Amino acid sequence: MEIKSRFDHFNVNVTNLDRSLKFYDEALGLKEISRMKAADGSYEIVFVGDGVSPFKLELTWLRDHAATPYELGDNESHLCMRVAGDYDAVREYHRAMGCLCFENHEMGLYFINDPDDYWIEILPLEK
């Protein structure tokens, strides 16, 4: 059997939904696409997207999660975004935001971290 699939979305759990929405909008230009909220208030899910591709990032807030950061452990999975325009200027913008957390000049890339410390690789649109 050959399975054909396509990417739909990637999920990250967040401790403060408003703070995360603000970060993803300001740092990457991702806008809210849709929102789901449990009738009992136990969770809220917001999908954000780039307005170009069909891929979505799911931000999930869980009411009953302790107010402590999520334990990300040694899992080095990450989201990667390509940015248009002056790559060095975007890097300096992220540096000024205080979210630039790792640079690899040899490979020509860097990472930012979101408010819950998820790492996001940033590459130029054309590479």
Protein backbone atom coordinates (compact mmCIF):
# COMPACT_ATOMS: atom_id res chain seq x y z
CA MET A 1 0.00 0.00 0.00
CA GLU A 2 1.31 3.44 -0.90
CA ILE A 3 0.17 6.19 1.41
CA LYS A 4 0.00 9.74 0.10
CA SER A 5 -0.20 12.43 2.72
CA ARG A 6 0.46 16.12 3.09
CA PHE A 7 1.48 18.28 6.00
CA ASP A 8 -1.39 20.00 7.77
CA HIS A 9 -0.19 21.43 11.07
CA PHE A 10 2.31 21.23 13.91
CA ASN A 11 1.31 21.67 17.56
CA VAL A 12 3.04 23.34 20.49
CA ASN A 13 1.55 23.69 23.93
CA VAL A 14 1.80 27.18 25.40
CA THR A 15 1.52 28.55 28.93
CA ASN A 16 0.07 31.94 27.94
CA LEU A 17 -1.94 32.02 24.72
CA ASP A 18 -2.08 35.82 24.35
CA ARG A 19 1.69 36.16 24.87
CA SER A 20 2.36 33.41 22.30
CA LEU A 21 -0.03 34.90 19.72
CA LYS A 22 1.70 38.26 20.10
CA PHE A 23 5.14 36.67 19.71
CA TYR A 24 4.27 34.65 16.59
CA ASP A 25 2.67 37.72 15.00
CA GLU A 26 5.51 40.13 15.83
CA ALA A 27 8.44 37.74 15.23
CA LEU A 28 7.14 35.84 12.20
CA GLY A 29 4.01 37.56 10.90
CA LEU A 30 1.81 34.52 11.63
CA LYS A 31 -1.86 35.43 11.96
CA GLU A 32 -4.79 33.66 13.59
CA ILE A 33 -6.74 31.43 11.20
CA SER A 34 -9.18 29.73 13.56
CA ARG A 35 -9.89 29.10 17.21
CA MET A 36 -11.52 26.34 19.22
CA LYS A 37 -12.43 26.57 22.87
CA ALA A 38 -13.73 23.78 25.09
CA ALA A 39 -17.21 24.44 26.48
CA ASP A 40 -15.86 23.82 29.98
CA GLY A 41 -12.85 26.11 29.43
CA SER A 42 -10.34 23.27 29.84
CA TYR A 43 -8.45 24.10 26.65
CA GLU A 44 -8.17 26.62 23.88
CA ILE A 45 -6.57 25.96 20.50
CA VAL A 46 -5.58 28.65 18.03
CA PHE A 47 -4.27 27.89 14.56
CA VAL A 48 -1.94 30.49 13.03
CA GLY A 49 -0.62 30.65 9.49
CA ASP A 50 1.53 32.62 7.10
CA GLY A 51 -1.28 33.46 4.65
CA VAL A 52 0.62 31.79 1.80
CA SER A 53 1.01 28.08 2.49
CA PRO A 54 -1.71 25.76 3.80
CA PHE A 55 0.51 24.71 6.74
CA LYS A 56 -0.70 25.79 10.18
CA LEU A 57 0.88 26.07 13.62
CA GLU A 58 -1.44 24.95 16.41
CA LEU A 59 -1.01 26.76 19.73
CA THR A 60 -2.71 24.79 22.51
CA TRP A 61 -3.39 26.22 25.96
CA LEU A 62 -4.44 23.77 28.68
CA ARG A 63 -6.17 25.23 31.74
CA ASP A 64 -5.07 22.45 34.08
CA HIS A 65 -1.38 22.59 33.19
CA ALA A 66 0.64 23.95 36.09
CA ALA A 67 1.80 27.53 35.66
CA THR A 68 5.33 26.23 35.15
CA PRO A 69 7.19 25.97 31.85
CA TYR A 70 6.78 22.82 29.79
CA GLU A 71 9.64 20.36 30.19
CA LEU A 72 11.08 20.12 26.69
CA GLY A 73 13.82 17.65 27.66
CA ASP A 74 16.40 16.63 25.12
CA ASN A 75 13.96 16.69 22.23
CA GLU A 76 15.66 18.77 19.58
CA SER A 77 12.72 18.92 17.19
CA HIS A 78 12.01 22.40 15.86
CA LEU A 79 9.93 24.42 13.49
CA CYS A 80 11.73 26.09 10.56
CA MET A 81 10.57 29.30 8.89
CA ARG A 82 11.93 31.03 5.79
CA VAL A 83 11.84 34.82 5.83
CA ALA A 84 11.67 37.20 2.89
CA GLY A 85 13.62 40.41 2.57
CA ASP A 86 16.94 41.42 4.10
CA TYR A 87 17.92 38.34 6.13
CA ASP A 88 20.49 40.25 8.21
CA ALA A 89 17.94 42.95 9.05
CA VAL A 90 15.44 40.28 10.15
CA ARG A 91 18.14 38.68 12.33
CA GLU A 92 18.87 42.05 13.95
CA TYR A 93 15.12 42.57 14.53
CA HIS A 94 14.96 39.20 16.31
CA ARG A 95 18.09 40.08 18.28
CA ALA A 96 16.45 43.36 19.40
CA MET A 97 13.33 41.40 20.41
CA GLY A 98 15.58 39.33 22.68
CA CYS A 99 14.51 36.03 21.13
CA LEU A 100 17.61 35.15 19.09
CA CYS A 101 19.05 32.16 20.97
CA PHE A 102 21.58 30.48 18.66
CA GLU A 103 23.53 31.42 15.54
CA ASN A 104 25.43 29.12 13.19
CA HIS A 105 27.31 31.42 10.85
CA GLU A 106 28.98 28.51 9.01
CA MET A 107 25.60 27.11 8.01
CA GLY A 108 24.06 30.57 7.47
CA LEU A 109 21.17 30.11 9.90
CA TYR A 110 19.99 31.08 13.34
CA PHE A 111 17.33 30.12 15.84
CA ILE A 112 14.87 32.15 17.87
CA ASN A 113 12.96 30.87 20.86
CA ASP A 114 9.31 31.55 21.58
CA PRO A 115 7.96 32.49 25.05
CA ASP A 116 7.79 28.78 26.00
CA ASP A 117 11.37 28.18 24.79
CA TYR A 118 10.48 26.27 21.62
CA TRP A 119 13.26 26.82 19.09
CA ILE A 120 12.45 28.06 15.59
CA GLU A 121 15.05 27.89 12.84
CA ILE A 122 15.17 30.96 10.61
CA LEU A 123 16.41 30.69 7.03
CA PRO A 124 16.35 33.18 4.16
CA LEU A 125 13.52 32.69 1.65
CA GLU A 126 16.02 32.00 -1.11
CA LYS A 127 18.93 29.76 -0.21
